[in-house]
């Protein structure tokens, strides 16, 4: 992790350690297993990271990080955010809910102010945060609120696919109400823009799923395709976007169709993500598009049952860091 080129220092990437009683802290520690072409800074409680390091029997040491510090071999730089209460592996503690949000806030602020080139997030537990009286529906919505971004798009990457969502963490009964022409149009514009800006795809090819079975079957199984999805697709096509759809979701995820696409837009969470996670679970990455900052995340939860065992798979965190690095490089090429 060391470098000698002082004129072009390594980009600094923040990695939030997530729910302190889950697998996040120990997965962060396992980042030491690889050499990364960036300066990684863990955001979390320094003593907690140190304790997880000791469990891994590694010779690495923890150093309190400050902006401008160059990386050093064998050193874990930690932006220290103190725990409110002791964190026991596998045992949720709502007293640390404010700590979890503070960790996120420190990383977000660092990205906005330019100290970090991007952020990678380990998993948090929505229930623990909400039980502490702090409404929280997920990283995606929290990042949108904190950066004052009116609309963001969740996209998962893995298994050779990129699957974005027109709606995220909503009851299924609310999806048709939220799926307006304006929202769908903005979502597709963000997806198209960020595939170019962050993934280096000059002319993105996007498949758009229908909402209803058989994509509505000409209006016999719902009119959302006719009234909302088709008009948006036709308008954006006329502006130069390469869009195909609306397609029935049950036949959209076939190799023949995916071979000629760069991303899929699903209409709701469980329409697109089960397929992707079946192909990539443990190595998938969650990306938030539309933000003024770069953010990637693991595709799994806090796994309290594995916390402290040393058996949690770091594959998704490694993939999230790799994707964040590629997105930072794509941004640097543009600027």
C-alpha atoms as a PDB file:
ATOM      1  CA  UNK A   1       0.000   0.000   0.000  1.00  0.00           C
ATOM      2  CA  UNK A   2       3.015   2.293  -0.113  1.00  0.00           C
ATOM      3  CA  UNK A   3       3.842   4.610  -3.006  1.00  0.00           C
ATOM      4  CA  UNK A   4       6.627   6.948  -3.974  1.00  0.00           C
ATOM      5  CA  UNK A   5       5.022   9.340  -6.458  1.00  0.00           C
ATOM      6  CA  UNK A   6       4.350  12.449  -4.379  1.00  0.00           C
ATOM      7  CA  UNK A   7       3.188  14.401  -7.419  1.00  0.00           C
ATOM      8  CA  UNK A   8       0.311  11.965  -8.036  1.00  0.00           C
ATOM      9  CA  UNK A   9      -0.689  10.491  -4.676  1.00  0.00           C
ATOM     10  CA  UNK A  10      -2.946   7.466  -4.542  1.00  0.00           C
ATOM     11  CA  UNK A  11      -6.676   8.192  -4.391  1.00  0.00           C
ATOM     12  CA  UNK A  12      -8.005   7.789  -0.850  1.00  0.00           C
ATOM     13  CA  UNK A  13     -11.014   5.496  -0.542  1.00  0.00           C
ATOM     14  CA  UNK A  14     -13.131   5.378   2.632  1.00  0.00           C
ATOM     15  CA  UNK A  15     -14.425   1.979   3.775  1.00  0.00           C
ATOM     16  CA  UNK A  16     -17.148   2.232   6.417  1.00  0.00           C
ATOM     17  CA  UNK A  17     -17.041  -0.640   8.910  1.00  0.00           C
ATOM     18  CA  UNK A  18     -20.839  -0.908   9.247  1.00  0.00           C
ATOM     19  CA  UNK A  19     -22.753  -2.541  12.098  1.00  0.00           C
ATOM     20  CA  UNK A  20     -20.098  -3.056  14.792  1.00  0.00           C
ATOM     21  CA  UNK A  21     -21.556  -6.352  16.044  1.00  0.00           C
ATOM     22  CA  UNK A  22     -21.832  -7.805  12.543  1.00  0.00           C
ATOM     23  CA  UNK A  23     -19.257  -9.080  10.070  1.00  0.00           C
ATOM     24  CA  UNK A  24     -18.343  -5.641   8.717  1.00  0.00           C
ATOM     25  CA  UNK A  25     -15.342  -4.867  10.957  1.00  0.00           C
ATOM     26  CA  UNK A  26     -13.715  -8.264  10.428  1.00  0.00           C
ATOM     27  CA  UNK A  27     -14.284  -8.103   6.666  1.00  0.00           C
ATOM     28  CA  UNK A  28     -12.614  -4.677   6.625  1.00  0.00           C
ATOM     29  CA  UNK A  29      -9.601  -6.163   8.380  1.00  0.00           C
ATOM     30  CA  UNK A  30      -9.294  -8.798   5.659  1.00  0.00           C
ATOM     31  CA  UNK A  31      -8.607  -6.077   3.106  1.00  0.00           C
ATOM     32  CA  UNK A  32      -5.011  -6.550   4.296  1.00  0.00           C
ATOM     33  CA  UNK A  33      -4.929  -9.794   2.299  1.00  0.00           C
ATOM     34  CA  UNK A  34      -4.481  -7.896  -0.976  1.00  0.00           C
ATOM     35  CA  UNK A  35      -2.467  -5.000  -2.328  1.00  0.00           C
ATOM     36  CA  UNK A  36      -4.760  -2.231  -3.554  1.00  0.00           C
ATOM     37  CA  UNK A  37      -3.899   0.567  -5.996  1.00  0.00           C
ATOM     38  CA  UNK A  38      -5.550   3.088  -3.658  1.00  0.00           C
ATOM     39  CA  UNK A  39      -5.082   4.318  -0.091  1.00  0.00           C
ATOM     40  CA  UNK A  40      -7.781   2.586   1.951  1.00  0.00           C
ATOM     41  CA  UNK A  41      -9.013   4.287   5.121  1.00  0.00           C
ATOM     42  CA  UNK A  42     -11.348   2.359   7.426  1.00  0.00           C
ATOM     43  CA  UNK A  43     -14.019   4.517   9.076  1.00  0.00           C
ATOM     44  CA  UNK A  44     -15.029   3.218  12.497  1.00  0.00           C
ATOM     45  CA  UNK A  45     -13.908   2.654  16.048  1.00  0.00           C
ATOM     46  CA  UNK A  46     -10.115   2.210  16.098  1.00  0.00           C
ATOM     47  CA  UNK A  47     -10.148  -0.137  19.111  1.00  0.00           C
ATOM     48  CA  UNK A  48     -12.801  -2.300  17.469  1.00  0.00           C
ATOM     49  CA  UNK A  49     -10.708  -2.596  14.297  1.00  0.00           C
ATOM     50  CA  UNK A  50      -7.637  -3.340  16.390  1.00  0.00           C
ATOM     51  CA  UNK A  51      -9.488  -6.091  18.253  1.00  0.00           C
ATOM     52  CA  UNK A  52     -10.661  -7.661  14.971  1.00  0.00           C
ATOM     53  CA  UNK A  53      -7.080  -7.465  13.663  1.00  0.00           C
ATOM     54  CA  UNK A  54      -5.850  -9.376  16.709  1.00  0.00           C
ATOM     55  CA  UNK A  55      -8.458 -12.071  16.087  1.00  0.00           C
ATOM     56  CA  UNK A  56      -7.059 -12.501  12.575  1.00  0.00           C
ATOM     57  CA  UNK A  57      -3.568 -12.948  14.056  1.00  0.00           C
ATOM     58  CA  UNK A  58      -2.166 -10.393  11.645  1.00  0.00           C
ATOM     59  CA  UNK A  59       0.909  -8.264  12.236  1.00  0.00           C
ATOM     60  CA  UNK A  60      -0.785  -5.158  10.837  1.00  0.00           C
ATOM     61  CA  UNK A  61      -1.196  -2.201  13.181  1.00  0.00           C
ATOM     62  CA  UNK A  62      -3.833   0.537  13.438  1.00  0.00           C
ATOM     63  CA  UNK A  63      -2.925   4.178  12.903  1.00  0.00           C
ATOM     64  CA  UNK A  64      -5.289   7.137  13.463  1.00  0.00           C
ATOM     65  CA  UNK A  65      -5.677   8.673  10.002  1.00  0.00           C
ATOM     66  CA  UNK A  66      -5.588  12.350   9.154  1.00  0.00           C
ATOM     67  CA  UNK A  67      -5.846  13.929   5.689  1.00  0.00           C
ATOM     68  CA  UNK A  68      -2.497  14.108   3.906  1.00  0.00           C
ATOM     69  CA  UNK A  69      -1.026  11.028   5.559  1.00  0.00           C
ATOM     70  CA  UNK A  70       0.623   8.749   2.985  1.00  0.00           C
ATOM     71  CA  UNK A  71      -0.120   5.029   3.266  1.00  0.00           C
ATOM     72  CA  UNK A  72       2.392   2.730   4.927  1.00  0.00           C
ATOM     73  CA  UNK A  73       2.931  -0.984   4.446  1.00  0.00           C
ATOM     74  CA  UNK A  74       1.482  -3.068   7.269  1.00  0.00           C
ATOM     75  CA  UNK A  75      -0.567  -0.165   8.623  1.00  0.00           C
ATOM     76  CA  UNK A  76      -4.346   0.111   8.780  1.00  0.00           C
ATOM     77  CA  UNK A  77      -5.358   3.748   8.645  1.00  0.00           C
ATOM     78  CA  UNK A  78      -8.566   4.299  10.617  1.00  0.00           C
ATOM     79  CA  UNK A  79     -10.668   7.442  10.761  1.00  0.00           C
ATOM     80  CA  UNK A  80     -11.707   7.001  14.382  1.00  0.00           C
ATOM     81  CA  UNK A  81     -15.381   7.280  15.302  1.00  0.00           C
ATOM     82  CA  UNK A  82     -15.881   6.127  18.910  1.00  0.00           C
ATOM     83  CA  UNK A  83     -18.430   3.462  19.794  1.00  0.00           C
ATOM     84  CA  UNK A  84     -21.188   4.515  22.178  1.00  0.00           C
ATOM     85  CA  UNK A  85     -21.305   1.100  23.846  1.00  0.00           C
ATOM     86  CA  UNK A  86     -19.215  -2.104  23.693  1.00  0.00           C
ATOM     87  CA  UNK A  87     -19.795  -4.133  20.521  1.00  0.00           C
ATOM     88  CA  UNK A  88     -19.969  -7.882  21.064  1.00  0.00           C
ATOM     89  CA  UNK A  89     -19.732  -9.958  17.907  1.00  0.00           C
ATOM     90  CA  UNK A  90     -23.135 -11.393  16.983  1.00  0.00           C
ATOM     91  CA  UNK A  91     -25.100  -9.406  19.589  1.00  0.00           C
ATOM     92  CA  UNK A  92     -26.982  -6.388  18.257  1.00  0.00           C
ATOM     93  CA  UNK A  93     -26.870  -3.298  20.455  1.00  0.00           C
ATOM     94  CA  UNK A  94     -29.241  -0.446  19.626  1.00  0.00           C
ATOM     95  CA  UNK A  95     -27.091   1.889  21.739  1.00  0.00           C
ATOM     96  CA  UNK A  96     -24.643   1.959  18.812  1.00  0.00           C
ATOM     97  CA  UNK A  97     -27.218   3.081  16.233  1.00  0.00           C
ATOM     98  CA  UNK A  98     -26.005   6.695  16.392  1.00  0.00           C
ATOM     99  CA  UNK A  99     -22.430   5.432  15.994  1.00  0.00           C
ATOM    100  CA  UNK A 100     -23.342   3.591  12.768  1.00  0.00           C
ATOM    101  CA  UNK A 101     -24.896   6.745  11.304  1.00  0.00           C
ATOM    102  CA  UNK A 102     -21.939   8.858  12.476  1.00  0.00           C
ATOM    103  CA  UNK A 103     -19.567   6.525  10.607  1.00  0.00           C
ATOM    104  CA  UNK A 104     -21.616   7.048   7.449  1.00  0.00           C
ATOM    105  CA  UNK A 105     -21.733  10.810   7.989  1.00  0.00           C
ATOM    106  CA  UNK A 106     -17.934  11.008   8.345  1.00  0.00           C
ATOM    107  CA  UNK A 107     -17.413   9.134   5.087  1.00  0.00           C
ATOM    108  CA  UNK A 108     -20.044  11.144   3.204  1.00  0.00           C
ATOM    109  CA  UNK A 109     -18.629  14.444   4.455  1.00  0.00           C
ATOM    110  CA  UNK A 110     -15.109  13.337   3.499  1.00  0.00           C
ATOM    111  CA  UNK A 111     -16.281  12.508  -0.033  1.00  0.00           C
ATOM    112  CA  UNK A 112     -18.172  15.778  -0.470  1.00  0.00           C
ATOM    113  CA  UNK A 113     -15.199  17.819   0.783  1.00  0.00           C
ATOM    114  CA  UNK A 114     -12.719  15.928  -1.400  1.00  0.00           C
ATOM    115  CA  UNK A 115     -10.753  14.073   1.287  1.00  0.00           C
ATOM    116  CA  UNK A 116     -12.009  10.779  -0.144  1.00  0.00           C
ATOM    117  CA  UNK A 117     -12.321   9.861  -3.822  1.00  0.00           C
ATOM    118  CA  UNK A 118     -15.237   7.579  -2.963  1.00  0.00           C
ATOM    119  CA  UNK A 119     -16.717   5.357  -0.270  1.00  0.00           C
ATOM    120  CA  UNK A 120     -17.357   1.638   0.132  1.00  0.00           C
ATOM    121  CA  UNK A 121     -19.863   0.548   2.759  1.00  0.00           C
ATOM    122  CA  UNK A 122     -19.915  -2.600   4.876  1.00  0.00           C
ATOM    123  CA  UNK A 123     -23.413  -3.747   5.914  1.00  0.00           C
ATOM    124  CA  UNK A 124     -25.602  -2.047   8.498  1.00  0.00           C
ATOM    125  CA  UNK A 125     -28.712  -3.438  10.174  1.00  0.00           C
ATOM    126  CA  UNK A 126     -31.840  -1.400   9.468  1.00  0.00           C
ATOM    127  CA  UNK A 127     -33.769  -2.950  12.361  1.00  0.00           C
ATOM    128  CA  UNK A 128     -31.133  -2.062  14.978  1.00  0.00           C
ATOM    129  CA  UNK A 129     -31.068   1.562  13.796  1.00  0.00           C
ATOM    130  CA  UNK A 130     -34.856   1.851  13.674  1.00  0.00           C
ATOM    131  CA  UNK A 131     -35.220   0.285  17.137  1.00  0.00           C
ATOM    132  CA  UNK A 132     -33.130   3.159  18.482  1.00  0.00           C
ATOM    133  CA  UNK A 133     -35.767   5.574  17.187  1.00  0.00           C
ATOM    134  CA  UNK A 134     -33.854   6.658  14.096  1.00  0.00           C
ATOM    135  CA  UNK A 135     -35.917   6.041  10.938  1.00  0.00           C
ATOM    136  CA  UNK A 136     -33.685   4.308   8.395  1.00  0.00           C
ATOM    137  CA  UNK A 137     -34.773   2.464   5.268  1.00  0.00           C
ATOM    138  CA  UNK A 138     -31.313   1.814   3.856  1.00  0.00           C
ATOM    139  CA  UNK A 139     -27.950   3.186   2.750  1.00  0.00           C
ATOM    140  CA  UNK A 140     -29.351   4.280  -0.610  1.00  0.00           C
ATOM    141  CA  UNK A 141     -32.069   6.518   0.807  1.00  0.00           C
ATOM    142  CA  UNK A 142     -29.786   7.828   3.572  1.00  0.00           C
ATOM    143  CA  UNK A 143     -27.093   8.844   1.072  1.00  0.00           C
ATOM    144  CA  UNK A 144     -29.681  10.585  -1.085  1.00  0.00           C
ATOM    145  CA  UNK A 145     -30.957  12.619   1.880  1.00  0.00           C
ATOM    146  CA  UNK A 146     -27.474  13.492   3.156  1.00  0.00           C
ATOM    147  CA  UNK A 147     -26.258  14.678  -0.271  1.00  0.00           C
ATOM    148  CA  UNK A 148     -29.587  16.378  -1.019  1.00  0.00           C
ATOM    149  CA  UNK A 149     -30.009  14.328  -4.166  1.00  0.00           C
ATOM    150  CA  UNK A 150     -33.684  14.243  -5.238  1.00  0.00           C
ATOM    151  CA  UNK A 151     -33.438  10.847  -6.930  1.00  0.00           C
ATOM    152  CA  UNK A 152     -30.808   8.129  -6.787  1.00  0.00           C
ATOM    153  CA  UNK A 153     -30.781   4.750  -8.483  1.00  0.00           C
ATOM    154  CA  UNK A 154     -29.772   1.470  -6.862  1.00  0.00           C
ATOM    155  CA  UNK A 155     -27.850  -0.843  -9.159  1.00  0.00           C
ATOM    156  CA  UNK A 156     -26.318  -4.222  -8.372  1.00  0.00           C
ATOM    157  CA  UNK A 157     -23.362  -5.527 -10.335  1.00  0.00           C
ATOM    158  CA  UNK A 158     -22.343  -9.173 -10.454  1.00  0.00           C
ATOM    159  CA  UNK A 159     -22.653 -12.445 -12.311  1.00  0.00           C
ATOM    160  CA  UNK A 160     -21.938 -10.627 -15.568  1.00  0.00           C
ATOM    161  CA  UNK A 161     -24.983  -8.379 -15.054  1.00  0.00           C
ATOM    162  CA  UNK A 162     -25.830  -4.841 -14.053  1.00  0.00           C
ATOM    163  CA  UNK A 163     -29.379  -4.584 -12.694  1.00  0.00           C
ATOM    164  CA  UNK A 164     -30.796  -1.182 -11.739  1.00  0.00           C
ATOM    165  CA  UNK A 165     -34.096  -0.571  -9.955  1.00  0.00           C
ATOM    166  CA  UNK A 166     -36.845   1.901 -10.779  1.00  0.00           C
ATOM    167  CA  UNK A 167     -38.121   1.604  -7.171  1.00  0.00           C
ATOM    168  CA  UNK A 168     -36.247   0.312  -4.118  1.00  0.00           C
ATOM    169  CA  UNK A 169     -37.357  -0.449  -0.555  1.00  0.00           C
ATOM    170  CA  UNK A 170     -41.122  -0.186  -0.878  1.00  0.00           C
ATOM    171  CA  UNK A 171     -44.066  -2.463  -0.146  1.00  0.00           C
ATOM    172  CA  UNK A 172     -45.078  -4.120  -3.405  1.00  0.00           C
ATOM    173  CA  UNK A 173     -48.510  -2.486  -3.178  1.00  0.00           C
ATOM    174  CA  UNK A 174     -46.875   0.961  -3.386  1.00  0.00           C
ATOM    175  CA  UNK A 175     -44.826   0.306  -6.530  1.00  0.00           C
ATOM    176  CA  UNK A 176     -47.544   1.194  -9.116  1.00  0.00           C
ATOM    177  CA  UNK A 177     -48.255   4.480  -7.280  1.00  0.00           C
ATOM    178  CA  UNK A 178     -44.602   5.524  -7.293  1.00  0.00           C
ATOM    179  CA  UNK A 179     -43.878   4.411 -10.860  1.00  0.00           C
ATOM    180  CA  UNK A 180     -44.752   7.654 -12.654  1.00  0.00           C
ATOM    181  CA  UNK A 181     -43.527   8.759 -16.068  1.00  0.00           C
ATOM    182  CA  UNK A 182     -41.406  11.452 -14.413  1.00  0.00           C
ATOM    183  CA  UNK A 183     -39.713   9.000 -12.034  1.00  0.00           C
ATOM    184  CA  UNK A 184     -39.090   6.386 -14.707  1.00  0.00           C
ATOM    185  CA  UNK A 185     -37.702   8.980 -17.101  1.00  0.00           C
ATOM    186  CA  UNK A 186     -35.338  10.413 -14.476  1.00  0.00           C
ATOM    187  CA  UNK A 187     -34.224   6.913 -13.454  1.00  0.00           C
ATOM    188  CA  UNK A 188     -33.337   5.964 -17.022  1.00  0.00           C
ATOM    189  CA  UNK A 189     -31.523   9.273 -17.548  1.00  0.00           C
ATOM    190  CA  UNK A 190     -29.410   8.704 -14.397  1.00  0.00           C
ATOM    191  CA  UNK A 191     -28.667   5.099 -15.386  1.00  0.00           C
ATOM    192  CA  UNK A 192     -27.679   6.115 -18.925  1.00  0.00           C
ATOM    193  CA  UNK A 193     -25.522   9.026 -17.713  1.00  0.00           C
ATOM    194  CA  UNK A 194     -23.661   7.028 -15.047  1.00  0.00           C
ATOM    195  CA  UNK A 195     -22.991   4.050 -17.325  1.00  0.00           C
ATOM    196  CA  UNK A 196     -21.125   6.530 -19.513  1.00  0.00           C
ATOM    197  CA  UNK A 197     -19.523   8.557 -16.710  1.00  0.00           C
ATOM    198  CA  UNK A 198     -18.594   5.853 -14.198  1.00  0.00           C
ATOM    199  CA  UNK A 199     -18.350   2.708 -16.312  1.00  0.00           C
ATOM    200  CA  UNK A 200     -16.828   4.104 -19.499  1.00  0.00           C
ATOM    201  CA  UNK A 201     -19.609   2.733 -21.748  1.00  0.00           C
ATOM    202  CA  UNK A 202     -19.908   5.156 -24.671  1.00  0.00           C
ATOM    203  CA  UNK A 203     -23.367   4.062 -25.876  1.00  0.00           C
ATOM    204  CA  UNK A 204     -25.155   2.092 -23.150  1.00  0.00           C
ATOM    205  CA  UNK A 205     -27.641  -0.578 -24.206  1.00  0.00           C
ATOM    206  CA  UNK A 206     -30.419  -0.890 -21.623  1.00  0.00           C
ATOM    207  CA  UNK A 207     -33.167  -3.506 -21.355  1.00  0.00           C
ATOM    208  CA  UNK A 208     -36.303  -2.273 -19.583  1.00  0.00           C
ATOM    209  CA  UNK A 209     -38.565  -4.741 -17.788  1.00  0.00           C
ATOM    210  CA  UNK A 210     -42.327  -4.464 -17.762  1.00  0.00           C
ATOM    211  CA  UNK A 211     -44.129  -4.180 -14.436  1.00  0.00           C
ATOM    212  CA  UNK A 212     -46.828  -6.798 -14.977  1.00  0.00           C
ATOM    213  CA  UNK A 213     -46.645 -10.466 -16.002  1.00  0.00           C
ATOM    214  CA  UNK A 214     -45.983 -10.754 -19.748  1.00  0.00           C
ATOM    215  CA  UNK A 215     -45.297  -6.979 -19.721  1.00  0.00           C
ATOM    216  CA  UNK A 216     -49.041  -6.393 -19.380  1.00  0.00           C
ATOM    217  CA  UNK A 217     -49.994  -8.512 -22.412  1.00  0.00           C
ATOM    218  CA  UNK A 218     -51.350  -5.578 -24.403  1.00  0.00           C
ATOM    219  CA  UNK A 219     -53.250  -4.147 -21.437  1.00  0.00           C
ATOM    220  CA  UNK A 220     -55.002  -7.371 -20.419  1.00  0.00           C
ATOM    221  CA  UNK A 221     -52.764  -7.761 -17.345  1.00  0.00           C
ATOM    222  CA  UNK A 222     -52.393  -4.120 -16.369  1.00  0.00           C
ATOM    223  CA  UNK A 223     -51.963  -0.811 -18.151  1.00  0.00           C
ATOM    224  CA  UNK A 224     -48.700   0.483 -16.615  1.00  0.00           C
ATOM    225  CA  UNK A 225     -46.727  -0.584 -19.698  1.00  0.00           C
ATOM    226  CA  UNK A 226     -49.099   1.267 -22.049  1.00  0.00           C
ATOM    227  CA  UNK A 227     -49.673   4.357 -19.901  1.00  0.00           C
ATOM    228  CA  UNK A 228     -46.222   4.824 -18.315  1.00  0.00           C
ATOM    229  CA  UNK A 229     -43.349   2.649 -19.524  1.00  0.00           C
ATOM    230  CA  UNK A 230     -43.804   2.698 -23.325  1.00  0.00           C
ATOM    231  CA  UNK A 231     -44.289   6.512 -23.603  1.00  0.00           C
ATOM    232  CA  UNK A 232     -41.104   7.083 -21.549  1.00  0.00           C
ATOM    233  CA  UNK A 233     -39.077   4.604 -23.616  1.00  0.00           C
ATOM    234  CA  UNK A 234     -40.269   6.142 -26.895  1.00  0.00           C
ATOM    235  CA  UNK A 235     -39.479   9.676 -25.753  1.00  0.00           C
ATOM    236  CA  UNK A 236     -35.984   8.794 -24.536  1.00  0.00           C
ATOM    237  CA  UNK A 237     -35.272   6.757 -27.662  1.00  0.00           C
ATOM    238  CA  UNK A 238     -36.046   9.853 -29.704  1.00  0.00           C
ATOM    239  CA  UNK A 239     -33.324  11.610 -27.680  1.00  0.00           C
ATOM    240  CA  UNK A 240     -30.765   8.967 -28.670  1.00  0.00           C
ATOM    241  CA  UNK A 241     -30.912   6.386 -25.885  1.00  0.00           C
ATOM    242  CA  UNK A 242     -30.604   2.708 -26.808  1.00  0.00           C
ATOM    243  CA  UNK A 243     -33.555   1.201 -24.919  1.00  0.00           C
ATOM    244  CA  UNK A 244     -35.346  -2.110 -25.468  1.00  0.00           C
ATOM    245  CA  UNK A 245     -38.649  -2.900 -23.792  1.00  0.00           C
ATOM    246  CA  UNK A 246     -40.822  -3.205 -21.929  1.00  0.00           C
ATOM    247  CA  UNK A 247     -39.884  -6.882 -21.786  1.00  0.00           C
ATOM    248  CA  UNK A 248     -41.485  -9.652 -19.716  1.00  0.00           C
ATOM    249  CA  UNK A 249     -39.236 -10.130 -16.689  1.00  0.00           C
ATOM    250  CA  UNK A 250     -39.549 -13.926 -16.791  1.00  0.00           C
ATOM    251  CA  UNK A 251     -37.744 -14.114 -20.163  1.00  0.00           C
ATOM    252  CA  UNK A 252     -35.605 -10.966 -19.938  1.00  0.00           C
ATOM    253  CA  UNK A 253     -32.742 -12.582 -17.992  1.00  0.00           C
ATOM    254  CA  UNK A 254     -31.735 -15.081 -20.658  1.00  0.00           C
ATOM    255  CA  UNK A 255     -28.172 -15.329 -22.001  1.00  0.00           C
ATOM    256  CA  UNK A 256     -29.262 -14.406 -25.520  1.00  0.00           C
ATOM    257  CA  UNK A 257     -30.800 -11.113 -24.349  1.00  0.00           C
ATOM    258  CA  UNK A 258     -28.150 -10.253 -21.744  1.00  0.00           C
ATOM    259  CA  UNK A 259     -25.330 -10.849 -24.224  1.00  0.00           C
ATOM    260  CA  UNK A 260     -26.236  -7.650 -26.044  1.00  0.00           C
ATOM    261  CA  UNK A 261     -26.969  -5.351 -23.122  1.00  0.00           C
ATOM    262  CA  UNK A 262     -25.030  -3.212 -20.643  1.00  0.00           C
ATOM    263  CA  UNK A 263     -27.714  -2.951 -17.953  1.00  0.00           C
ATOM    264  CA  UNK A 264     -31.231  -4.016 -17.077  1.00  0.00           C
ATOM    265  CA  UNK A 265     -33.778  -1.732 -15.447  1.00  0.00           C
ATOM    266  CA  UNK A 266     -36.178  -3.713 -13.225  1.00  0.00           C
ATOM    267  CA  UNK A 267     -39.330  -2.051 -11.963  1.00  0.00           C
ATOM    268  CA  UNK A 268     -39.049  -3.201  -8.342  1.00  0.00           C
ATOM    269  CA  UNK A 269     -36.581  -4.728  -5.879  1.00  0.00           C
ATOM    270  CA  UNK A 270     -37.531  -8.401  -6.026  1.00  0.00           C
ATOM    271  CA  UNK A 271     -38.108  -8.419  -9.773  1.00  0.00           C
ATOM    272  CA  UNK A 272     -34.463  -8.039 -10.716  1.00  0.00           C
ATOM    273  CA  UNK A 273     -32.300  -8.776  -7.699  1.00  0.00           C
ATOM    274  CA  UNK A 274     -33.094 -12.470  -7.079  1.00  0.00           C
ATOM    275  CA  UNK A 275     -31.756 -13.310 -10.548  1.00  0.00           C
ATOM    276  CA  UNK A 276     -28.551 -11.341 -10.061  1.00  0.00           C
ATOM    277  CA  UNK A 277     -27.946 -12.604  -6.539  1.00  0.00           C
ATOM    278  CA  UNK A 278     -28.488 -16.196  -7.653  1.00  0.00           C
ATOM    279  CA  UNK A 279     -25.620 -15.693 -10.101  1.00  0.00           C
ATOM    280  CA  UNK A 280     -23.303 -13.641  -7.917  1.00  0.00           C
ATOM    281  CA  UNK A 281     -24.137 -13.809  -4.206  1.00  0.00           C
ATOM    282  CA  UNK A 282     -21.018 -13.309  -2.153  1.00  0.00           C
ATOM    283  CA  UNK A 283     -19.333 -11.421  -4.968  1.00  0.00           C
ATOM    284  CA  UNK A 284     -21.982  -8.887  -5.999  1.00  0.00           C
ATOM    285  CA  UNK A 285     -21.736  -5.132  -5.506  1.00  0.00           C
ATOM    286  CA  UNK A 286     -24.395  -2.535  -4.753  1.00  0.00           C
ATOM    287  CA  UNK A 287     -23.791   0.831  -6.465  1.00  0.00           C
ATOM    288  CA  UNK A 288     -25.694   4.068  -5.859  1.00  0.00           C
ATOM    289  CA  UNK A 289     -26.078   6.015  -9.101  1.00  0.00           C
ATOM    290  CA  UNK A 290     -27.013   9.680  -9.368  1.00  0.00           C
ATOM    291  CA  UNK A 291     -25.036  10.823  -6.314  1.00  0.00           C
ATOM    292  CA  UNK A 292     -22.424  13.606  -6.454  1.00  0.00           C
ATOM    293  CA  UNK A 293     -20.017  11.060  -4.892  1.00  0.00           C
ATOM    294  CA  UNK A 294     -18.902   7.508  -5.706  1.00  0.00           C
ATOM    295  CA  UNK A 295     -20.409   4.829  -3.462  1.00  0.00           C
ATOM    296  CA  UNK A 296     -20.326   1.054  -3.679  1.00  0.00           C
ATOM    297  CA  UNK A 297     -21.344  -1.556  -1.120  1.00  0.00           C
ATOM    298  CA  UNK A 298     -21.467  -5.248  -0.341  1.00  0.00           C
ATOM    299  CA  UNK A 299     -24.530  -7.177  -1.511  1.00  0.00           C
ATOM    300  CA  UNK A 300     -25.146  -8.952   1.822  1.00  0.00           C
ATOM    301  CA  UNK A 301     -26.271  -8.202   5.348  1.00  0.00           C
ATOM    302  CA  UNK A 302     -24.646  -8.067   8.769  1.00  0.00           C
ATOM    303  CA  UNK A 303     -24.619 -11.883   9.224  1.00  0.00           C
ATOM    304  CA  UNK A 304     -24.732 -11.802  13.049  1.00  0.00           C
ATOM    305  CA  UNK A 305     -24.536 -15.606  13.053  1.00  0.00           C
ATOM    306  CA  UNK A 306     -21.070 -15.466  11.429  1.00  0.00           C
ATOM    307  CA  UNK A 307     -19.731 -12.421  13.276  1.00  0.00           C
ATOM    308  CA  UNK A 308     -16.564 -13.158  15.217  1.00  0.00           C
ATOM    309  CA  UNK A 309     -16.133 -16.594  13.648  1.00  0.00           C
ATOM    310  CA  UNK A 310     -13.637 -15.555  10.999  1.00  0.00           C
ATOM    311  CA  UNK A 311     -15.699 -17.518   8.443  1.00  0.00           C
ATOM    312  CA  UNK A 312     -17.401 -14.588   6.686  1.00  0.00           C
ATOM    313  CA  UNK A 313     -16.538 -14.383   2.977  1.00  0.00           C
ATOM    314  CA  UNK A 314     -14.858 -11.071   2.041  1.00  0.00           C
ATOM    315  CA  UNK A 315     -15.563 -11.581  -1.673  1.00  0.00           C
ATOM    316  CA  UNK A 316     -18.316  -8.980  -1.950  1.00  0.00           C
ATOM    317  CA  UNK A 317     -16.302  -6.340  -0.053  1.00  0.00           C
ATOM    318  CA  UNK A 318     -13.277  -7.003  -2.259  1.00  0.00           C
ATOM    319  CA  UNK A 319     -15.482  -6.692  -5.355  1.00  0.00           C
ATOM    320  CA  UNK A 320     -17.000  -3.444  -4.007  1.00  0.00           C
ATOM    321  CA  UNK A 321     -13.535  -1.951  -3.489  1.00  0.00           C
ATOM    322  CA  UNK A 322     -12.452  -3.066  -6.978  1.00  0.00           C
ATOM    323  CA  UNK A 323     -15.519  -1.500  -8.576  1.00  0.00           C
ATOM    324  CA  UNK A 324     -15.066   1.745  -6.622  1.00  0.00           C
ATOM    325  CA  UNK A 325     -11.446   1.884  -7.848  1.00  0.00           C
ATOM    326  CA  UNK A 326     -12.600   1.409 -11.452  1.00  0.00           C
ATOM    327  CA  UNK A 327     -15.218   4.147 -11.026  1.00  0.00           C
ATOM    328  CA  UNK A 328     -12.599   6.514  -9.596  1.00  0.00           C
ATOM    329  CA  UNK A 329     -10.333   5.766 -12.572  1.00  0.00           C
ATOM    330  CA  UNK A 330     -13.181   6.427 -15.019  1.00  0.00           C
ATOM    331  CA  UNK A 331     -13.838   9.760 -13.304  1.00  0.00           C
ATOM    332  CA  UNK A 332     -10.144  10.674 -13.459  1.00  0.00           C
ATOM    333  CA  UNK A 333     -10.073   9.919 -17.194  1.00  0.00           C
ATOM    334  CA  UNK A 334     -12.944  12.363 -17.720  1.00  0.00           C
ATOM    335  CA  UNK A 335     -11.369  15.214 -15.713  1.00  0.00           C
END
